[in-house]
């Protein structure tokens, strides 16, 4: 279950950020998760809930936004949302490079 390791990393980032800003409570951690990040959000929520007990993030909400898979054509430069199975540009037939959709990062942390 790699979501436990991900949750540990997220909590570590949030706690470090809180310490650096002399915060005594973390209220929300918001993530950006690409469509191809492979993160199972239900498992991540469960892992996070088990890790925050007894910390300043114990009551923190873990929220996320899913980012669509986006590609750029090597030939015409067009950027567009794509499906994982799309390899060719519908406009010119050129090859597509994935430019967004694999991300997994902390977007912001709300603290008190």
N, C-alpha and C. Protein backbone atom coordinates (compact mmCIF):
# COMPACT_ATOMS: atom_id res chain seq x y z
N UNK A 1 0.86 -1.18 0.00
CA UNK A 1 0.00 0.00 0.00
C UNK A 1 0.90 1.24 0.00
N UNK A 2 1.19 1.76 -1.16
CA UNK A 2 2.08 2.91 -1.23
C UNK A 2 1.42 4.20 -0.75
N UNK A 3 0.11 4.18 -0.55
CA UNK A 3 -0.57 5.37 -0.04
C UNK A 3 -0.12 5.71 1.38
N UNK A 4 0.29 4.70 2.17
CA UNK A 4 0.80 4.97 3.52
C UNK A 4 2.10 5.78 3.42
N UNK A 5 2.98 5.41 2.52
CA UNK A 5 4.22 6.16 2.34
C UNK A 5 3.93 7.57 1.83
N UNK A 6 2.97 7.69 0.95
CA UNK A 6 2.58 9.02 0.45
C UNK A 6 2.02 9.86 1.59
N UNK A 7 1.15 9.28 2.41
CA UNK A 7 0.57 10.00 3.54
C UNK A 7 1.66 10.44 4.52
N UNK A 8 2.65 9.58 4.75
CA UNK A 8 3.76 9.94 5.63
C UNK A 8 4.51 11.15 5.08
N UNK A 9 4.74 11.16 3.78
CA UNK A 9 5.41 12.29 3.15
C UNK A 9 4.61 13.57 3.25
N UNK A 10 3.31 13.47 3.01
CA UNK A 10 2.43 14.64 3.09
C UNK A 10 2.42 15.20 4.51
N UNK A 11 2.28 14.32 5.49
CA UNK A 11 2.27 14.77 6.88
C UNK A 11 3.60 15.40 7.25
N UNK A 12 4.69 14.80 6.81
CA UNK A 12 6.01 15.36 7.09
C UNK A 12 6.17 16.76 6.52
N UNK A 13 5.73 16.95 5.30
CA UNK A 13 5.79 18.28 4.67
C UNK A 13 4.97 19.28 5.48
N UNK A 14 3.76 18.88 5.86
CA UNK A 14 2.87 19.78 6.61
C UNK A 14 3.44 20.12 7.98
N UNK A 15 3.98 19.13 8.68
CA UNK A 15 4.54 19.39 10.01
C UNK A 15 5.77 20.28 9.92
N UNK A 16 6.63 20.04 8.93
CA UNK A 16 7.80 20.90 8.73
C UNK A 16 7.37 22.33 8.45
N UNK A 17 6.37 22.48 7.61
CA UNK A 17 5.86 23.82 7.25
C UNK A 17 5.28 24.51 8.49
N UNK A 18 4.54 23.76 9.28
CA UNK A 18 3.95 24.33 10.50
C UNK A 18 5.03 24.77 11.48
N UNK A 19 6.05 23.94 11.66
CA UNK A 19 7.15 24.31 12.56
C UNK A 19 7.86 25.58 12.08
N UNK A 20 8.08 25.67 10.78
CA UNK A 20 8.78 26.82 10.21
C UNK A 20 7.98 28.12 10.38
N UNK A 21 6.67 27.99 10.55
CA UNK A 21 5.81 29.17 10.69
C UNK A 21 5.20 29.30 12.09
N UNK A 22 5.76 28.56 13.05
CA UNK A 22 5.29 28.60 14.44
C UNK A 22 3.79 28.40 14.57
N UNK A 23 3.25 27.50 13.81
CA UNK A 23 1.81 27.21 13.86
C UNK A 23 1.55 26.11 14.88
N UNK A 24 0.40 26.18 15.50
CA UNK A 24 0.06 25.17 16.50
C UNK A 24 -1.05 24.22 16.04
N UNK A 25 -1.60 24.47 14.85
CA UNK A 25 -2.62 23.56 14.34
C UNK A 25 -2.67 23.63 12.82
N UNK A 26 -2.75 22.47 12.21
CA UNK A 26 -2.92 22.37 10.77
C UNK A 26 -4.39 22.09 10.51
N UNK A 27 -5.02 22.93 9.70
CA UNK A 27 -6.45 22.81 9.47
C UNK A 27 -6.79 22.10 8.16
N UNK A 28 -5.97 22.30 7.14
CA UNK A 28 -6.25 21.69 5.84
C UNK A 28 -4.95 21.50 5.07
N UNK A 29 -4.89 20.38 4.38
CA UNK A 29 -3.80 20.12 3.44
C UNK A 29 -4.47 19.81 2.11
N UNK A 30 -4.16 20.61 1.11
CA UNK A 30 -4.79 20.44 -0.20
C UNK A 30 -3.74 19.93 -1.20
N UNK A 31 -4.11 18.88 -1.91
CA UNK A 31 -3.21 18.24 -2.86
C UNK A 31 -3.66 18.45 -4.29
N UNK A 32 -2.71 18.39 -5.20
CA UNK A 32 -2.99 18.33 -6.63
C UNK A 32 -2.56 16.94 -7.08
N UNK A 33 -3.52 16.17 -7.61
CA UNK A 33 -3.26 14.80 -8.03
C UNK A 33 -3.58 14.65 -9.51
N UNK A 34 -2.57 14.34 -10.28
CA UNK A 34 -2.77 14.11 -11.70
C UNK A 34 -3.55 12.84 -11.94
N UNK A 35 -4.25 12.82 -13.06
CA UNK A 35 -5.06 11.66 -13.43
C UNK A 35 -4.25 10.37 -13.45
N UNK A 36 -2.98 10.46 -13.82
CA UNK A 36 -2.12 9.27 -13.88
C UNK A 36 -1.20 9.14 -12.67
N UNK A 37 -1.50 9.83 -11.58
CA UNK A 37 -0.63 9.76 -10.40
C UNK A 37 -0.67 8.39 -9.74
N UNK A 38 -1.74 7.66 -9.96
CA UNK A 38 -1.86 6.33 -9.37
C UNK A 38 -2.28 6.33 -7.91
N UNK A 39 -2.68 7.47 -7.39
CA UNK A 39 -3.06 7.57 -5.98
C UNK A 39 -4.52 7.16 -5.81
N UNK A 40 -4.74 6.21 -4.91
CA UNK A 40 -6.09 5.81 -4.53
C UNK A 40 -6.51 6.70 -3.36
N UNK A 41 -7.40 7.64 -3.61
CA UNK A 41 -7.71 8.65 -2.61
C UNK A 41 -8.37 8.08 -1.35
N UNK A 42 -9.15 7.03 -1.50
CA UNK A 42 -9.77 6.42 -0.32
C UNK A 42 -8.70 5.82 0.59
N UNK A 43 -7.75 5.11 0.00
CA UNK A 43 -6.66 4.52 0.78
C UNK A 43 -5.77 5.62 1.38
N UNK A 44 -5.55 6.69 0.62
CA UNK A 44 -4.74 7.80 1.11
C UNK A 44 -5.42 8.45 2.31
N UNK A 45 -6.71 8.67 2.24
CA UNK A 45 -7.45 9.27 3.36
C UNK A 45 -7.37 8.40 4.60
N UNK A 46 -7.51 7.09 4.41
CA UNK A 46 -7.43 6.15 5.54
C UNK A 46 -6.05 6.19 6.17
N UNK A 47 -5.01 6.15 5.34
CA UNK A 47 -3.64 6.17 5.85
C UNK A 47 -3.36 7.49 6.58
N UNK A 48 -3.78 8.58 5.99
CA UNK A 48 -3.57 9.90 6.59
C UNK A 48 -4.25 9.99 7.95
N UNK A 49 -5.49 9.52 8.03
CA UNK A 49 -6.24 9.57 9.29
C UNK A 49 -5.53 8.78 10.39
N UNK A 50 -4.91 7.68 10.03
CA UNK A 50 -4.23 6.87 11.04
C UNK A 50 -2.92 7.53 11.49
N UNK A 51 -2.29 8.31 10.63
CA UNK A 51 -1.01 8.92 10.96
C UNK A 51 -1.13 10.21 11.76
N UNK A 52 -2.22 10.95 11.61
CA UNK A 52 -2.31 12.27 12.24
C UNK A 52 -2.73 12.23 13.70
N UNK A 53 -3.15 11.08 14.18
CA UNK A 53 -3.57 10.99 15.59
C UNK A 53 -2.46 11.46 16.51
N UNK A 54 -2.81 12.37 17.40
CA UNK A 54 -1.85 12.86 18.38
C UNK A 54 -0.90 13.93 17.86
N UNK A 55 -1.14 14.42 16.64
CA UNK A 55 -0.29 15.48 16.08
C UNK A 55 -1.10 16.77 15.95
N UNK A 56 -0.43 17.85 15.58
CA UNK A 56 -1.14 19.11 15.38
C UNK A 56 -2.00 19.09 14.11
N UNK A 57 -1.92 17.99 13.38
CA UNK A 57 -2.75 17.82 12.18
C UNK A 57 -3.92 16.87 12.42
N UNK A 58 -4.16 16.54 13.69
CA UNK A 58 -5.18 15.53 14.02
C UNK A 58 -6.55 15.86 13.45
N UNK A 59 -6.92 17.12 13.40
CA UNK A 59 -8.25 17.50 12.89
C UNK A 59 -8.18 18.07 11.47
N UNK A 60 -7.03 17.97 10.84
CA UNK A 60 -6.86 18.55 9.51
C UNK A 60 -7.68 17.81 8.45
N UNK A 61 -8.23 18.58 7.55
CA UNK A 61 -8.92 18.01 6.39
C UNK A 61 -7.88 17.77 5.30
N UNK A 62 -7.94 16.62 4.70
CA UNK A 62 -7.10 16.31 3.54
C UNK A 62 -7.99 16.40 2.31
N UNK A 63 -7.72 17.38 1.46
CA UNK A 63 -8.53 17.59 0.27
C UNK A 63 -7.63 17.51 -0.96
N UNK A 64 -8.25 17.33 -2.11
CA UNK A 64 -7.46 17.23 -3.34
C UNK A 64 -8.27 17.67 -4.54
N UNK A 65 -7.51 17.98 -5.56
CA UNK A 65 -8.08 18.33 -6.86
C UNK A 65 -7.42 17.40 -7.87
N UNK A 66 -8.22 16.79 -8.71
CA UNK A 66 -7.69 15.93 -9.78
C UNK A 66 -7.33 16.79 -10.98
N UNK A 67 -6.14 16.61 -11.48
CA UNK A 67 -5.68 17.34 -12.66
C UNK A 67 -5.81 16.45 -13.89
N UNK A 68 -6.37 16.99 -14.96
CA UNK A 68 -6.56 16.17 -16.15
C UNK A 68 -5.24 15.86 -16.84
N UNK A 69 -5.26 14.80 -17.61
CA UNK A 69 -4.12 14.42 -18.42
C UNK A 69 -4.06 15.36 -19.62
N UNK A 70 -2.93 16.03 -19.78
CA UNK A 70 -2.76 17.01 -20.85
C UNK A 70 -1.52 16.66 -21.65
N UNK A 71 -1.64 16.80 -22.96
CA UNK A 71 -0.51 16.51 -23.84
C UNK A 71 -0.22 17.64 -24.80
N UNK A 72 1.00 17.61 -25.34
CA UNK A 72 1.42 18.60 -26.34
C UNK A 72 1.93 17.85 -27.56
N UNK A 73 1.47 18.26 -28.73
CA UNK A 73 1.89 17.65 -29.98
C UNK A 73 3.33 18.07 -30.30
N UNK A 74 4.16 17.10 -30.66
CA UNK A 74 5.55 17.38 -31.03
C UNK A 74 5.63 18.19 -32.33
N UNK A 75 4.64 18.02 -33.20
CA UNK A 75 4.70 18.66 -34.51
C UNK A 75 4.04 20.04 -34.55
N UNK A 76 2.77 20.13 -34.13
CA UNK A 76 2.07 21.42 -34.25
C UNK A 76 2.06 22.22 -32.96
N UNK A 77 2.47 21.61 -31.83
CA UNK A 77 2.54 22.33 -30.56
C UNK A 77 1.23 22.49 -29.83
N UNK A 78 0.16 21.93 -30.37
CA UNK A 78 -1.16 22.06 -29.73
C UNK A 78 -1.16 21.35 -28.37
N UNK A 79 -1.70 22.02 -27.35
CA UNK A 79 -1.88 21.43 -26.03
C UNK A 79 -3.35 21.15 -25.83
N UNK A 80 -3.65 19.97 -25.28
CA UNK A 80 -5.05 19.58 -25.10
C UNK A 80 -5.16 18.47 -24.07
N UNK A 81 -6.36 18.34 -23.50
CA UNK A 81 -6.62 17.19 -22.63
C UNK A 81 -6.65 15.95 -23.50
N UNK A 82 -6.07 14.88 -22.97
CA UNK A 82 -6.01 13.62 -23.71
C UNK A 82 -6.44 12.48 -22.81
N UNK A 83 -6.62 11.32 -23.41
CA UNK A 83 -6.87 10.09 -22.67
C UNK A 83 -5.55 9.33 -22.61
N UNK A 84 -5.38 8.44 -21.65
CA UNK A 84 -4.10 7.71 -21.55
C UNK A 84 -3.73 6.96 -22.83
N UNK A 85 -4.69 6.55 -23.60
CA UNK A 85 -4.41 5.79 -24.82
C UNK A 85 -4.17 6.67 -26.04
N UNK A 86 -4.25 7.99 -25.90
CA UNK A 86 -4.02 8.90 -27.03
C UNK A 86 -2.52 9.11 -27.24
N UNK A 87 -2.04 8.72 -28.40
CA UNK A 87 -0.63 8.90 -28.73
C UNK A 87 -0.43 9.84 -29.91
N UNK A 88 -1.50 10.11 -30.66
CA UNK A 88 -1.40 10.95 -31.84
C UNK A 88 -2.31 12.16 -31.73
N UNK A 89 -1.83 13.29 -32.21
CA UNK A 89 -2.60 14.54 -32.20
C UNK A 89 -3.79 14.42 -33.15
N UNK A 90 -4.99 14.74 -32.69
CA UNK A 90 -6.16 14.66 -33.58
C UNK A 90 -6.14 15.75 -34.66
N UNK A 91 -5.34 16.78 -34.47
CA UNK A 91 -5.28 17.87 -35.44
C UNK A 91 -4.34 17.55 -36.61
N UNK A 92 -3.12 17.07 -36.29
CA UNK A 92 -2.13 16.87 -37.36
C UNK A 92 -1.57 15.45 -37.45
N UNK A 93 -1.88 14.61 -36.45
CA UNK A 93 -1.37 13.24 -36.47
C UNK A 93 0.01 13.07 -35.87
N UNK A 94 0.59 14.15 -35.34
CA UNK A 94 1.91 14.08 -34.72
C UNK A 94 1.87 13.37 -33.37
N UNK A 95 3.03 12.99 -32.89
CA UNK A 95 3.13 12.33 -31.58
C UNK A 95 2.85 13.29 -30.44
N UNK A 96 2.27 12.76 -29.37
CA UNK A 96 1.89 13.58 -28.22
C UNK A 96 2.80 13.26 -27.03
N UNK A 97 3.25 14.31 -26.38
CA UNK A 97 4.04 14.20 -25.16
C UNK A 97 3.14 14.59 -23.99
N UNK A 98 3.13 13.79 -22.92
CA UNK A 98 2.35 14.13 -21.73
C UNK A 98 3.07 15.26 -21.00
N UNK A 99 2.33 16.35 -20.73
CA UNK A 99 2.93 17.49 -20.02
C UNK A 99 2.31 17.71 -18.64
N UNK A 100 1.11 17.21 -18.41
CA UNK A 100 0.46 17.30 -17.10
C UNK A 100 -0.38 16.04 -16.90
N UNK A 101 -0.57 15.69 -15.63
CA UNK A 101 -1.43 14.57 -15.30
C UNK A 101 -0.74 13.50 -14.48
N UNK A 102 0.56 13.65 -14.28
CA UNK A 102 1.30 12.70 -13.45
C UNK A 102 1.64 13.31 -12.08
N UNK A 103 1.26 14.57 -11.89
CA UNK A 103 1.63 15.30 -10.68
C UNK A 103 1.02 14.69 -9.42
N UNK A 104 1.74 14.91 -8.33
CA UNK A 104 1.24 14.61 -7.01
C UNK A 104 2.00 15.53 -6.08
N UNK A 105 1.34 16.59 -5.62
CA UNK A 105 2.05 17.54 -4.77
C UNK A 105 1.09 18.25 -3.82
N UNK A 106 1.68 18.76 -2.75
CA UNK A 106 0.92 19.58 -1.80
C UNK A 106 0.77 20.96 -2.44
N UNK A 107 -0.47 21.39 -2.59
CA UNK A 107 -0.76 22.69 -3.20
C UNK A 107 -0.71 23.80 -2.15
N UNK A 108 -1.40 23.59 -1.03
CA UNK A 108 -1.35 24.56 0.06
C UNK A 108 -1.70 23.89 1.38
N UNK A 109 -1.29 24.57 2.46
CA UNK A 109 -1.54 24.10 3.82
C UNK A 109 -2.16 25.26 4.59
N UNK A 110 -3.31 25.03 5.18
CA UNK A 110 -3.95 26.05 6.03
C UNK A 110 -3.60 25.73 7.47
N UNK A 111 -3.09 26.74 8.18
CA UNK A 111 -2.64 26.55 9.56
C UNK A 111 -3.17 27.67 10.44
N UNK A 112 -3.11 27.41 11.72
CA UNK A 112 -3.50 28.42 12.70
C UNK A 112 -2.33 28.64 13.64
